Amino acid sequence: MIRLHHVRKSYGGSAGSGTVLEVGEWSVAAGERVALVGASGSGKTTLLNLLSGLVLPDHGQVWVDGVDIVTLAEPARDRFRAANCGYLFQSFHLLEGFSAAENVRLGARFAGHAPPPGRAG
């Protein structure tokens, strides 16, 4: 389950001047599928970054599987993301010198999972 409660994220200037995302209440039930659709700059990537804990909101709570990730220290958010989030970046962010499958297996190892050889994940 994902739940956002009074979340706001701004960039630049004074608080609220560059507000990119403002959500009163929003939730996604376990097993439910959603699609993020909107124009460039409408906050889609910011929302994904908030849901994964890559960035923190200026205000509000972000609950993922019963954990308010806003309250976690950065190392704990990193561990939570490794264990609970699958993230495909728009820009690949692959480690140079490794194949795509090796990059996936490396991410799985960071999360404490070692897929069998010949299987990426």
C-alpha atoms as a PDB file:
ATOM      1  CA  MET A   1       0.000   0.000   0.000  1.00  0.00           C
ATOM      2  CA  ILE A   2       1.153   3.507  -0.829  1.00  0.00           C
ATOM      3  CA  ARG A   3      -0.293   6.547   0.896  1.00  0.00           C
ATOM      4  CA  LEU A   4       0.545  10.239   0.651  1.00  0.00           C
ATOM      5  CA  HIS A   5      -0.808  12.641   3.257  1.00  0.00           C
ATOM      6  CA  HIS A   6      -0.504  16.430   2.780  1.00  0.00           C
ATOM      7  CA  VAL A   7       2.657  16.134   0.663  1.00  0.00           C
ATOM      8  CA  ARG A   8       4.299  19.163  -0.893  1.00  0.00           C
ATOM      9  CA  LYS A   9       7.588  19.372  -2.790  1.00  0.00           C
ATOM     10  CA  SER A  10       9.172  22.594  -4.030  1.00  0.00           C
ATOM     11  CA  TYR A  11      12.414  23.379  -5.765  1.00  0.00           C
ATOM     12  CA  GLY A  12      14.354  26.640  -5.793  1.00  0.00           C
ATOM     13  CA  GLY A  13      13.574  29.932  -4.073  1.00  0.00           C
ATOM     14  CA  SER A  14      11.501  30.316  -0.947  1.00  0.00           C
ATOM     15  CA  ALA A  15       9.207  27.539   0.259  1.00  0.00           C
ATOM     16  CA  GLY A  16       6.212  27.185  -1.995  1.00  0.00           C
ATOM     17  CA  SER A  17       7.560  29.477  -4.733  1.00  0.00           C
ATOM     18  CA  GLY A  18       8.568  26.595  -6.999  1.00  0.00           C
ATOM     19  CA  THR A  19       6.003  24.022  -5.898  1.00  0.00           C
ATOM     20  CA  VAL A  20       6.196  21.048  -8.223  1.00  0.00           C
ATOM     21  CA  LEU A  21       3.857  18.688  -6.402  1.00  0.00           C
ATOM     22  CA  GLU A  22       1.078  19.148  -3.883  1.00  0.00           C
ATOM     23  CA  VAL A  23      -1.089  16.192  -2.830  1.00  0.00           C
ATOM     24  CA  GLY A  24      -3.747  16.287  -0.110  1.00  0.00           C
ATOM     25  CA  GLU A  25      -4.512  12.563   0.118  1.00  0.00           C
ATOM     26  CA  TRP A  26      -3.650   9.798  -2.332  1.00  0.00           C
ATOM     27  CA  SER A  27      -3.341   6.071  -1.920  1.00  0.00           C
ATOM     28  CA  VAL A  28      -2.772   2.962  -3.989  1.00  0.00           C
ATOM     29  CA  ALA A  29      -3.910  -0.371  -2.582  1.00  0.00           C
ATOM     30  CA  ALA A  30      -1.723  -3.466  -2.727  1.00  0.00           C
ATOM     31  CA  GLY A  31      -2.113  -5.050  -6.166  1.00  0.00           C
ATOM     32  CA  GLU A  32      -3.729  -1.947  -7.658  1.00  0.00           C
ATOM     33  CA  ARG A  33      -2.185  -0.546 -10.840  1.00  0.00           C
ATOM     34  CA  VAL A  34      -1.921   3.121 -11.680  1.00  0.00           C
ATOM     35  CA  ALA A  35      -0.521   5.121 -14.574  1.00  0.00           C
ATOM     36  CA  LEU A  36       1.125   8.506 -14.154  1.00  0.00           C
ATOM     37  CA  VAL A  37       0.178  10.701 -17.078  1.00  0.00           C
ATOM     38  CA  GLY A  38       0.923  14.369 -17.556  1.00  0.00           C
ATOM     39  CA  ALA A  39       2.850  16.983 -19.420  1.00  0.00           C
ATOM     40  CA  SER A  40       6.577  17.421 -19.012  1.00  0.00           C
ATOM     41  CA  GLY A  41       7.245  19.204 -15.737  1.00  0.00           C
ATOM     42  CA  SER A  42       3.939  18.206 -14.139  1.00  0.00           C
ATOM     43  CA  GLY A  43       5.561  16.294 -11.251  1.00  0.00           C
ATOM     44  CA  LYS A  44       5.534  12.646 -12.384  1.00  0.00           C
ATOM     45  CA  THR A  45       9.233  12.035 -11.726  1.00  0.00           C
ATOM     46  CA  THR A  46       9.088  14.029  -8.500  1.00  0.00           C
ATOM     47  CA  LEU A  47       6.265  11.777  -7.292  1.00  0.00           C
ATOM     48  CA  LEU A  48       8.259   8.629  -8.129  1.00  0.00           C
ATOM     49  CA  ASN A  49      11.329  10.050  -6.395  1.00  0.00           C
ATOM     50  CA  LEU A  50       9.229  10.789  -3.296  1.00  0.00           C
ATOM     51  CA  LEU A  51       7.684   7.299  -3.297  1.00  0.00           C
ATOM     52  CA  SER A  52      11.109   5.679  -3.427  1.00  0.00           C
ATOM     53  CA  GLY A  53      12.690   7.987  -0.863  1.00  0.00           C
ATOM     54  CA  LEU A  54      15.225   9.384  -3.323  1.00  0.00           C
ATOM     55  CA  VAL A  55      13.998  12.839  -2.290  1.00  0.00           C
ATOM     56  CA  LEU A  56      11.995  13.974   0.720  1.00  0.00           C
ATOM     57  CA  PRO A  57       8.941  16.206   0.661  1.00  0.00           C
ATOM     58  CA  ASP A  58       9.039  19.691   2.137  1.00  0.00           C
ATOM     59  CA  HIS A  59       5.936  18.727   4.073  1.00  0.00           C
ATOM     60  CA  GLY A  60       3.802  15.634   4.633  1.00  0.00           C
ATOM     61  CA  GLN A  61       3.989  11.891   5.016  1.00  0.00           C
ATOM     62  CA  VAL A  62       4.839   9.211   2.453  1.00  0.00           C
ATOM     63  CA  TRP A  63       3.807   5.728   3.572  1.00  0.00           C
ATOM     64  CA  VAL A  64       5.001   2.642   1.691  1.00  0.00           C
ATOM     65  CA  ASP A  65       3.995  -0.766   3.055  1.00  0.00           C
ATOM     66  CA  GLY A  66       3.198   0.734   6.462  1.00  0.00           C
ATOM     67  CA  VAL A  67       6.465   2.689   6.800  1.00  0.00           C
ATOM     68  CA  ASP A  68       6.572   6.490   6.762  1.00  0.00           C
ATOM     69  CA  ILE A  69       9.768   6.760   4.731  1.00  0.00           C
ATOM     70  CA  VAL A  70      10.011  10.490   5.500  1.00  0.00           C
ATOM     71  CA  THR A  71      10.987   9.604   9.077  1.00  0.00           C
ATOM     72  CA  LEU A  72      13.820   7.285   8.009  1.00  0.00           C
ATOM     73  CA  ALA A  73      17.433   8.438   7.994  1.00  0.00           C
ATOM     74  CA  GLU A  74      19.073   8.337   4.557  1.00  0.00           C
ATOM     75  CA  PRO A  75      20.882   4.994   5.102  1.00  0.00           C
ATOM     76  CA  ALA A  76      17.614   3.423   6.270  1.00  0.00           C
ATOM     77  CA  ARG A  77      15.791   4.831   3.218  1.00  0.00           C
ATOM     78  CA  ASP A  78      18.519   3.330   1.009  1.00  0.00           C
ATOM     79  CA  ARG A  79      18.037  -0.091   2.629  1.00  0.00           C
ATOM     80  CA  PHE A  80      14.236   0.223   2.430  1.00  0.00           C
ATOM     81  CA  ARG A  81      14.444   1.135  -1.271  1.00  0.00           C
ATOM     82  CA  ALA A  82      16.805  -1.780  -1.994  1.00  0.00           C
ATOM     83  CA  ALA A  83      14.465  -4.228  -0.264  1.00  0.00           C
ATOM     84  CA  ASN A  84      11.099  -2.862  -1.421  1.00  0.00           C
ATOM     85  CA  CYS A  85      11.335  -0.777  -4.600  1.00  0.00           C
ATOM     86  CA  GLY A  86      11.974  -1.715  -8.193  1.00  0.00           C
ATOM     87  CA  TYR A  87      13.031   1.379 -10.066  1.00  0.00           C
ATOM     88  CA  LEU A  88      13.654   1.737 -13.801  1.00  0.00           C
ATOM     89  CA  PHE A  89      15.222   5.096 -14.477  1.00  0.00           C
ATOM     90  CA  GLN A  90      14.345   7.112 -17.561  1.00  0.00           C
ATOM     91  CA  SER A  91      18.088   7.531 -18.080  1.00  0.00           C
ATOM     92  CA  PHE A  92      19.543   4.094 -17.668  1.00  0.00           C
ATOM     93  CA  HIS A  93      22.132   4.840 -14.928  1.00  0.00           C
ATOM     94  CA  LEU A  94      23.888   1.582 -15.723  1.00  0.00           C
ATOM     95  CA  LEU A  95      27.429   0.959 -14.510  1.00  0.00           C
ATOM     96  CA  GLU A  96      29.785   1.207 -17.444  1.00  0.00           C
ATOM     97  CA  GLY A  97      31.638  -2.006 -18.206  1.00  0.00           C
ATOM     98  CA  PHE A  98      28.760  -4.216 -17.028  1.00  0.00           C
ATOM     99  CA  SER A  99      26.004  -5.707 -19.159  1.00  0.00           C
ATOM    100  CA  ALA A 100      22.371  -4.840 -18.439  1.00  0.00           C
ATOM    101  CA  ALA A 101      21.901  -8.256 -16.784  1.00  0.00           C
ATOM    102  CA  GLU A 102      25.006  -7.736 -14.634  1.00  0.00           C
ATOM    103  CA  ASN A 103      23.663  -4.344 -13.545  1.00  0.00           C
ATOM    104  CA  VAL A 104      20.381  -5.980 -12.499  1.00  0.00           C
ATOM    105  CA  ARG A 105      22.174  -8.765 -10.616  1.00  0.00           C
ATOM    106  CA  LEU A 106      24.341  -6.186  -8.841  1.00  0.00           C
ATOM    107  CA  GLY A 107      21.229  -4.350  -7.659  1.00  0.00           C
ATOM    108  CA  ALA A 108      19.782  -7.643  -6.417  1.00  0.00           C
ATOM    109  CA  ARG A 109      22.974  -8.327  -4.452  1.00  0.00           C
ATOM    110  CA  PHE A 110      22.722  -4.900  -2.786  1.00  0.00           C
ATOM    111  CA  ALA A 111      19.227  -5.910  -1.683  1.00  0.00           C
ATOM    112  CA  GLY A 112      20.540  -9.179  -0.253  1.00  0.00           C
ATOM    113  CA  HIS A 113      19.315 -11.402  -3.073  1.00  0.00           C
ATOM    114  CA  ALA A 114      21.582 -13.396  -5.326  1.00  0.00           C
ATOM    115  CA  PRO A 115      19.741 -14.626  -8.424  1.00  0.00           C
ATOM    116  CA  PRO A 116      21.116 -17.813  -9.969  1.00  0.00           C
ATOM    117  CA  PRO A 117      23.617 -17.406 -12.831  1.00  0.00           C
ATOM    118  CA  GLY A 118      21.888 -16.911 -16.171  1.00  0.00           C
ATOM    119  CA  ARG A 119      18.949 -15.153 -14.528  1.00  0.00           C
ATOM    120  CA  ALA A 120      18.948 -11.388 -14.014  1.00  0.00           C
ATOM    121  CA  GLY A 121      16.350 -11.225 -11.277  1.00  0.00           C
END
